[in-house]
Amino acid sequence: MAESILSRLGYEEETERYAVLGLFIQHYAIVERTIHILFRFATGMSDDAARTISGGMRVSDLMSAITKLAKARNLGEEFSSETAVCFDQLNAISKFRDTLIHRGTSTHDDGGLVSTNIFTAKTPEAVEVLKFDLEDIASAIDDCHRLCLRLERLTFAPDHWARSPGVVDLLGEPWSYRHRQPDTPLRPHRSKPE
């Protein structure tokens, strides 16, 4: 049997962490794709015409444009309120994803995970340390899946599968991922006024 790539590289004991991180990146990419599809729907243009505008745009810019288009094209209260709720959650997940991607992860002494900018912060006071675990990533994956379903539901006809009772119940459940604030160990903390 062939040796696994992680084993060959010396990371065999961290297989689960890398598998979960990989799933998260994959699911986040699917959400990005869904945002592009939603943009095309919101413009009312053909896919080719909308693609010429949205190609290469950042997801945050697309979300802003979708919000403006919903108002300008009068896409309705359900569309506007649902995208607002979904975009708020996606912003929280995006911050988490950016932290993991740009700062990396390592195992903390307590067995949890940590991501920090200690080597890239401009000043010692700007150092941030985010402590989390695989369940936080799993929650973000669950929400990415739910985000796709909720946003896709807005782009399809009412008889589409995404409007079936079982799916509607699933989509009505609260978000799984809760944004964690990083610790700022070297930033002076303001004392509360008495």
C-alpha atoms as a PDB file:
ATOM      1  CA  MET A   1       0.000   0.000   0.000  1.00  0.00           C
ATOM      2  CA  ALA A   2       1.301   3.432  -0.910  1.00  0.00           C
ATOM      3  CA  GLU A   3       2.344   5.767   1.866  1.00  0.00           C
ATOM      4  CA  SER A   4       0.016   8.742   2.345  1.00  0.00           C
ATOM      5  CA  ILE A   5       1.293  12.150   1.349  1.00  0.00           C
ATOM      6  CA  LEU A   6       0.789  13.518   4.887  1.00  0.00           C
ATOM      7  CA  SER A   7       2.707  10.563   6.321  1.00  0.00           C
ATOM      8  CA  ARG A   8       5.511  11.012   3.804  1.00  0.00           C
ATOM      9  CA  LEU A   9       5.744  14.728   4.718  1.00  0.00           C
ATOM     10  CA  GLY A  10       5.751  13.999   8.457  1.00  0.00           C
ATOM     11  CA  TYR A  11       2.236  15.239   9.238  1.00  0.00           C
ATOM     12  CA  GLU A  12       0.462  11.914   9.766  1.00  0.00           C
ATOM     13  CA  GLU A  13      -0.644  12.814  13.294  1.00  0.00           C
ATOM     14  CA  GLU A  14      -2.338  15.967  11.993  1.00  0.00           C
ATOM     15  CA  THR A  15      -4.385  14.210   9.293  1.00  0.00           C
ATOM     16  CA  GLU A  16      -7.746  15.156  10.814  1.00  0.00           C
ATOM     17  CA  ARG A  17      -6.830  18.830  11.141  1.00  0.00           C
ATOM     18  CA  TYR A  18      -5.726  19.050   7.516  1.00  0.00           C
ATOM     19  CA  ALA A  19      -8.752  17.104   6.301  1.00  0.00           C
ATOM     20  CA  VAL A  20     -11.143  19.434   8.158  1.00  0.00           C
ATOM     21  CA  LEU A  21      -9.275  22.546   6.942  1.00  0.00           C
ATOM     22  CA  GLY A  22      -9.457  21.208   3.385  1.00  0.00           C
ATOM     23  CA  LEU A  23     -13.194  20.607   3.671  1.00  0.00           C
ATOM     24  CA  PHE A  24     -13.657  24.118   4.998  1.00  0.00           C
ATOM     25  CA  ILE A  25     -11.755  25.661   2.086  1.00  0.00           C
ATOM     26  CA  GLN A  26     -13.761  23.566  -0.392  1.00  0.00           C
ATOM     27  CA  HIS A  27     -17.121  24.505   1.152  1.00  0.00           C
ATOM     28  CA  TYR A  28     -16.157  28.178   1.329  1.00  0.00           C
ATOM     29  CA  ALA A  29     -15.258  28.087  -2.378  1.00  0.00           C
ATOM     30  CA  ILE A  30     -18.720  26.682  -3.125  1.00  0.00           C
ATOM     31  CA  VAL A  31     -20.272  29.600  -1.206  1.00  0.00           C
ATOM     32  CA  GLU A  32     -18.183  31.994  -3.332  1.00  0.00           C
ATOM     33  CA  ARG A  33     -19.527  30.306  -6.465  1.00  0.00           C
ATOM     34  CA  THR A  34     -23.063  30.611  -5.120  1.00  0.00           C
ATOM     35  CA  ILE A  35     -22.564  34.353  -4.544  1.00  0.00           C
ATOM     36  CA  HIS A  36     -21.563  34.718  -8.204  1.00  0.00           C
ATOM     37  CA  ILE A  37     -24.708  32.854  -9.277  1.00  0.00           C
ATOM     38  CA  LEU A  38     -26.826  35.041  -7.011  1.00  0.00           C
ATOM     39  CA  PHE A  39     -25.248  38.158  -8.520  1.00  0.00           C
ATOM     40  CA  ARG A  40     -26.163  36.972 -12.017  1.00  0.00           C
ATOM     41  CA  PHE A  41     -29.725  36.389 -10.859  1.00  0.00           C
ATOM     42  CA  ALA A  42     -29.926  39.790  -9.146  1.00  0.00           C
ATOM     43  CA  THR A  43     -28.773  41.673 -12.257  1.00  0.00           C
ATOM     44  CA  GLY A  44     -31.519  40.183 -14.418  1.00  0.00           C
ATOM     45  CA  MET A  45     -28.936  39.982 -17.204  1.00  0.00           C
ATOM     46  CA  SER A  46     -27.897  36.970 -19.192  1.00  0.00           C
ATOM     47  CA  ASP A  47     -25.208  34.848 -17.544  1.00  0.00           C
ATOM     48  CA  ASP A  48     -22.637  35.991 -20.108  1.00  0.00           C
ATOM     49  CA  ALA A  49     -23.384  39.694 -19.571  1.00  0.00           C
ATOM     50  CA  ALA A  50     -23.385  39.381 -15.770  1.00  0.00           C
ATOM     51  CA  ARG A  51     -20.187  37.323 -15.890  1.00  0.00           C
ATOM     52  CA  THR A  52     -18.364  40.140 -17.686  1.00  0.00           C
ATOM     53  CA  ILE A  53     -19.147  42.378 -14.715  1.00  0.00           C
ATOM     54  CA  SER A  54     -18.634  39.927 -11.846  1.00  0.00           C
ATOM     55  CA  GLY A  55     -15.624  38.014 -13.158  1.00  0.00           C
ATOM     56  CA  GLY A  56     -12.734  38.590 -10.758  1.00  0.00           C
ATOM     57  CA  MET A  57     -14.809  40.548  -8.236  1.00  0.00           C
ATOM     58  CA  ARG A  58     -14.277  39.880  -4.546  1.00  0.00           C
ATOM     59  CA  VAL A  59     -17.144  38.272  -2.673  1.00  0.00           C
ATOM     60  CA  SER A  60     -17.500  41.305  -0.392  1.00  0.00           C
ATOM     61  CA  ASP A  61     -17.957  43.532  -3.454  1.00  0.00           C
ATOM     62  CA  LEU A  62     -20.476  41.122  -4.938  1.00  0.00           C
ATOM     63  CA  MET A  63     -22.480  41.083  -1.708  1.00  0.00           C
ATOM     64  CA  SER A  64     -22.581  44.872  -1.713  1.00  0.00           C
ATOM     65  CA  ALA A  65     -23.682  44.939  -5.353  1.00  0.00           C
ATOM     66  CA  ILE A  66     -26.372  42.298  -4.729  1.00  0.00           C
ATOM     67  CA  THR A  67     -27.755  44.341  -1.844  1.00  0.00           C
ATOM     68  CA  LYS A  68     -27.932  47.453  -4.050  1.00  0.00           C
ATOM     69  CA  LEU A  69     -29.425  45.524  -6.967  1.00  0.00           C
ATOM     70  CA  ALA A  70     -32.112  44.030  -4.722  1.00  0.00           C
ATOM     71  CA  LYS A  71     -33.262  47.521  -3.825  1.00  0.00           C
ATOM     72  CA  ALA A  72     -32.915  49.011  -7.322  1.00  0.00           C
ATOM     73  CA  ARG A  73     -34.675  46.102  -9.014  1.00  0.00           C
ATOM     74  CA  ASN A  74     -37.238  45.707  -6.228  1.00  0.00           C
ATOM     75  CA  LEU A  75     -36.498  42.001  -5.755  1.00  0.00           C
ATOM     76  CA  GLY A  76     -38.710  41.918  -2.679  1.00  0.00           C
ATOM     77  CA  GLU A  77     -38.486  41.871   1.093  1.00  0.00           C
ATOM     78  CA  GLU A  78     -37.804  38.107   1.310  1.00  0.00           C
ATOM     79  CA  PHE A  79     -34.808  38.447  -1.011  1.00  0.00           C
ATOM     80  CA  SER A  80     -33.431  41.495   0.797  1.00  0.00           C
ATOM     81  CA  SER A  81     -33.894  40.167   4.330  1.00  0.00           C
ATOM     82  CA  GLU A  82     -32.583  36.693   3.510  1.00  0.00           C
ATOM     83  CA  THR A  83     -29.477  38.008   1.778  1.00  0.00           C
ATOM     84  CA  ALA A  84     -28.825  40.399   4.685  1.00  0.00           C
ATOM     85  CA  VAL A  85     -28.962  37.551   7.219  1.00  0.00           C
ATOM     86  CA  CYS A  86     -26.821  35.282   5.052  1.00  0.00           C
ATOM     87  CA  PHE A  87     -24.278  37.997   4.244  1.00  0.00           C
ATOM     88  CA  ASP A  88     -23.841  38.798   7.956  1.00  0.00           C
ATOM     89  CA  GLN A  89     -23.011  35.154   8.663  1.00  0.00           C
ATOM     90  CA  LEU A  90     -20.782  34.893   5.609  1.00  0.00           C
ATOM     91  CA  ASN A  91     -18.833  37.961   6.771  1.00  0.00           C
ATOM     92  CA  ALA A  92     -18.160  36.253  10.122  1.00  0.00           C
ATOM     93  CA  ILE A  93     -17.069  33.040   8.392  1.00  0.00           C
ATOM     94  CA  SER A  94     -14.928  35.023   5.929  1.00  0.00           C
ATOM     95  CA  LYS A  95     -12.986  36.630   8.796  1.00  0.00           C
ATOM     96  CA  PHE A  96     -12.365  33.174  10.263  1.00  0.00           C
ATOM     97  CA  ARG A  97     -11.308  31.775   6.892  1.00  0.00           C
ATOM     98  CA  ASP A  98      -8.980  34.714   6.212  1.00  0.00           C
ATOM     99  CA  THR A  99      -7.340  34.233   9.590  1.00  0.00           C
ATOM    100  CA  LEU A 100      -6.741  30.529   8.985  1.00  0.00           C
ATOM    101  CA  ILE A 101      -5.534  31.005   5.417  1.00  0.00           C
ATOM    102  CA  HIS A 102      -3.261  33.987   5.950  1.00  0.00           C
ATOM    103  CA  ARG A 103      -1.948  33.163   9.415  1.00  0.00           C
ATOM    104  CA  GLY A 104      -1.988  29.373   9.380  1.00  0.00           C
ATOM    105  CA  THR A 105      -2.780  27.127  12.324  1.00  0.00           C
ATOM    106  CA  SER A 106      -0.834  25.231  14.917  1.00  0.00           C
ATOM    107  CA  THR A 107      -1.647  23.033  17.856  1.00  0.00           C
ATOM    108  CA  HIS A 108      -1.915  24.811  21.210  1.00  0.00           C
ATOM    109  CA  ASP A 109      -0.541  23.402  24.461  1.00  0.00           C
ATOM    110  CA  ASP A 110      -4.070  22.502  25.601  1.00  0.00           C
ATOM    111  CA  GLY A 111      -4.688  20.424  22.460  1.00  0.00           C
ATOM    112  CA  GLY A 112      -6.780  23.085  20.758  1.00  0.00           C
ATOM    113  CA  LEU A 113      -5.724  25.084  17.743  1.00  0.00           C
ATOM    114  CA  VAL A 114      -4.296  28.574  17.469  1.00  0.00           C
ATOM    115  CA  SER A 115      -3.816  31.074  14.664  1.00  0.00           C
ATOM    116  CA  THR A 116      -1.769  34.211  15.221  1.00  0.00           C
ATOM    117  CA  ASN A 117      -0.222  37.175  13.447  1.00  0.00           C
ATOM    118  CA  ILE A 118       2.653  37.336  15.928  1.00  0.00           C
ATOM    119  CA  PHE A 119       5.250  37.298  13.129  1.00  0.00           C
ATOM    120  CA  THR A 120       3.462  39.720  10.792  1.00  0.00           C
ATOM    121  CA  ALA A 121       1.865  42.300  13.104  1.00  0.00           C
ATOM    122  CA  LYS A 122       3.135  45.842  12.555  1.00  0.00           C
ATOM    123  CA  THR A 123       3.462  46.467  16.285  1.00  0.00           C
ATOM    124  CA  PRO A 124       3.482  44.270  19.378  1.00  0.00           C
ATOM    125  CA  GLU A 125       0.160  45.824  20.399  1.00  0.00           C
ATOM    126  CA  ALA A 126      -1.400  44.575  17.135  1.00  0.00           C
ATOM    127  CA  VAL A 127      -0.648  40.911  17.905  1.00  0.00           C
ATOM    128  CA  GLU A 128      -3.771  38.736  17.841  1.00  0.00           C
ATOM    129  CA  VAL A 129      -4.084  35.145  18.983  1.00  0.00           C
ATOM    130  CA  LEU A 130      -7.189  33.203  17.970  1.00  0.00           C
ATOM    131  CA  LYS A 131      -7.832  30.001  19.906  1.00  0.00           C
ATOM    132  CA  PHE A 132     -10.331  27.558  18.421  1.00  0.00           C
ATOM    133  CA  ASP A 133     -10.856  23.865  17.760  1.00  0.00           C
ATOM    134  CA  LEU A 134     -11.937  21.532  14.970  1.00  0.00           C
ATOM    135  CA  GLU A 135     -15.572  21.904  16.054  1.00  0.00           C
ATOM    136  CA  ASP A 136     -15.382  25.620  15.190  1.00  0.00           C
ATOM    137  CA  ILE A 137     -14.245  24.692  11.684  1.00  0.00           C
ATOM    138  CA  ALA A 138     -16.931  21.992  11.442  1.00  0.00           C
ATOM    139  CA  SER A 139     -19.540  24.586  12.438  1.00  0.00           C
ATOM    140  CA  ALA A 140     -18.278  26.930   9.715  1.00  0.00           C
ATOM    141  CA  ILE A 141     -18.526  24.058   7.201  1.00  0.00           C
ATOM    142  CA  ASP A 142     -22.123  23.367   8.286  1.00  0.00           C
ATOM    143  CA  ASP A 143     -22.971  27.024   7.824  1.00  0.00           C
ATOM    144  CA  CYS A 144     -21.296  27.188   4.403  1.00  0.00           C
ATOM    145  CA  HIS A 145     -23.562  24.329   3.324  1.00  0.00           C
ATOM    146  CA  ARG A 146     -26.595  26.067   4.794  1.00  0.00           C
ATOM    147  CA  LEU A 147     -25.601  29.395   3.193  1.00  0.00           C
ATOM    148  CA  CYS A 148     -25.464  27.774  -0.237  1.00  0.00           C
ATOM    149  CA  LEU A 149     -28.895  26.241   0.201  1.00  0.00           C
ATOM    150  CA  ARG A 150     -30.455  29.443   1.523  1.00  0.00           C
ATOM    151  CA  LEU A 151     -28.984  31.593  -1.252  1.00  0.00           C
ATOM    152  CA  GLU A 152     -29.700  29.076  -4.017  1.00  0.00           C
ATOM    153  CA  ARG A 153     -33.283  28.976  -2.831  1.00  0.00           C
ATOM    154  CA  LEU A 154     -33.621  32.647  -3.783  1.00  0.00           C
ATOM    155  CA  THR A 155     -32.598  32.023  -7.384  1.00  0.00           C
ATOM    156  CA  PHE A 156     -34.928  29.147  -8.259  1.00  0.00           C
ATOM    157  CA  ALA A 157     -38.649  28.892  -8.911  1.00  0.00           C
ATOM    158  CA  PRO A 158     -40.907  28.305  -5.884  1.00  0.00           C
ATOM    159  CA  ASP A 159     -41.407  24.625  -6.772  1.00  0.00           C
ATOM    160  CA  HIS A 160     -37.676  23.937  -6.621  1.00  0.00           C
ATOM    161  CA  TRP A 161     -36.358  21.377  -4.085  1.00  0.00           C
ATOM    162  CA  ALA A 162     -34.990  24.144  -1.850  1.00  0.00           C
ATOM    163  CA  ARG A 163     -38.522  25.195  -0.932  1.00  0.00           C
ATOM    164  CA  SER A 164     -39.619  21.730   0.230  1.00  0.00           C
ATOM    165  CA  PRO A 165     -40.740  21.535   3.899  1.00  0.00           C
ATOM    166  CA  GLY A 166     -37.800  19.437   5.134  1.00  0.00           C
ATOM    167  CA  VAL A 167     -35.256  21.749   3.580  1.00  0.00           C
ATOM    168  CA  VAL A 168     -37.078  24.854   4.807  1.00  0.00           C
ATOM    169  CA  ASP A 169     -36.984  23.446   8.369  1.00  0.00           C
ATOM    170  CA  LEU A 170     -33.258  22.708   8.084  1.00  0.00           C
ATOM    171  CA  LEU A 171     -32.552  26.170   6.770  1.00  0.00           C
ATOM    172  CA  GLY A 172     -34.508  27.778   9.579  1.00  0.00           C
ATOM    173  CA  GLU A 173     -32.185  26.352  12.223  1.00  0.00           C
ATOM    174  CA  PRO A 174     -29.799  28.800  13.926  1.00  0.00           C
ATOM    175  CA  TRP A 175     -26.300  29.261  12.579  1.00  0.00           C
ATOM    176  CA  SER A 176     -23.715  26.822  13.936  1.00  0.00           C
ATOM    177  CA  TYR A 177     -20.591  28.976  13.679  1.00  0.00           C
ATOM    178  CA  ARG A 178     -20.082  31.626  16.354  1.00  0.00           C
ATOM    179  CA  HIS A 179     -17.393  34.194  15.671  1.00  0.00           C
ATOM    180  CA  ARG A 180     -14.586  34.127  18.200  1.00  0.00           C
ATOM    181  CA  GLN A 181     -12.714  37.298  19.029  1.00  0.00           C
ATOM    182  CA  PRO A 182      -8.930  36.914  19.050  1.00  0.00           C
ATOM    183  CA  ASP A 183      -7.014  37.640  22.216  1.00  0.00           C
ATOM    184  CA  THR A 184      -4.794  40.720  22.086  1.00  0.00           C
ATOM    185  CA  PRO A 185      -2.243  39.887  24.788  1.00  0.00           C
ATOM    186  CA  LEU A 186       0.020  42.896  24.272  1.00  0.00           C
ATOM    187  CA  ARG A 187      -2.619  45.561  23.677  1.00  0.00           C
ATOM    188  CA  PRO A 188      -3.193  47.794  26.678  1.00  0.00           C
ATOM    189  CA  HIS A 189      -6.699  47.231  27.926  1.00  0.00           C
ATOM    190  CA  ARG A 190      -8.719  50.220  28.934  1.00  0.00           C
ATOM    191  CA  SER A 191     -10.009  50.136  32.415  1.00  0.00           C
ATOM    192  CA  LYS A 192     -13.723  50.576  32.816  1.00  0.00           C
ATOM    193  CA  PRO A 193     -14.785  53.934  34.220  1.00  0.00           C
ATOM    194  CA  GLU A 194     -16.019  53.767  37.759  1.00  0.00           C
END
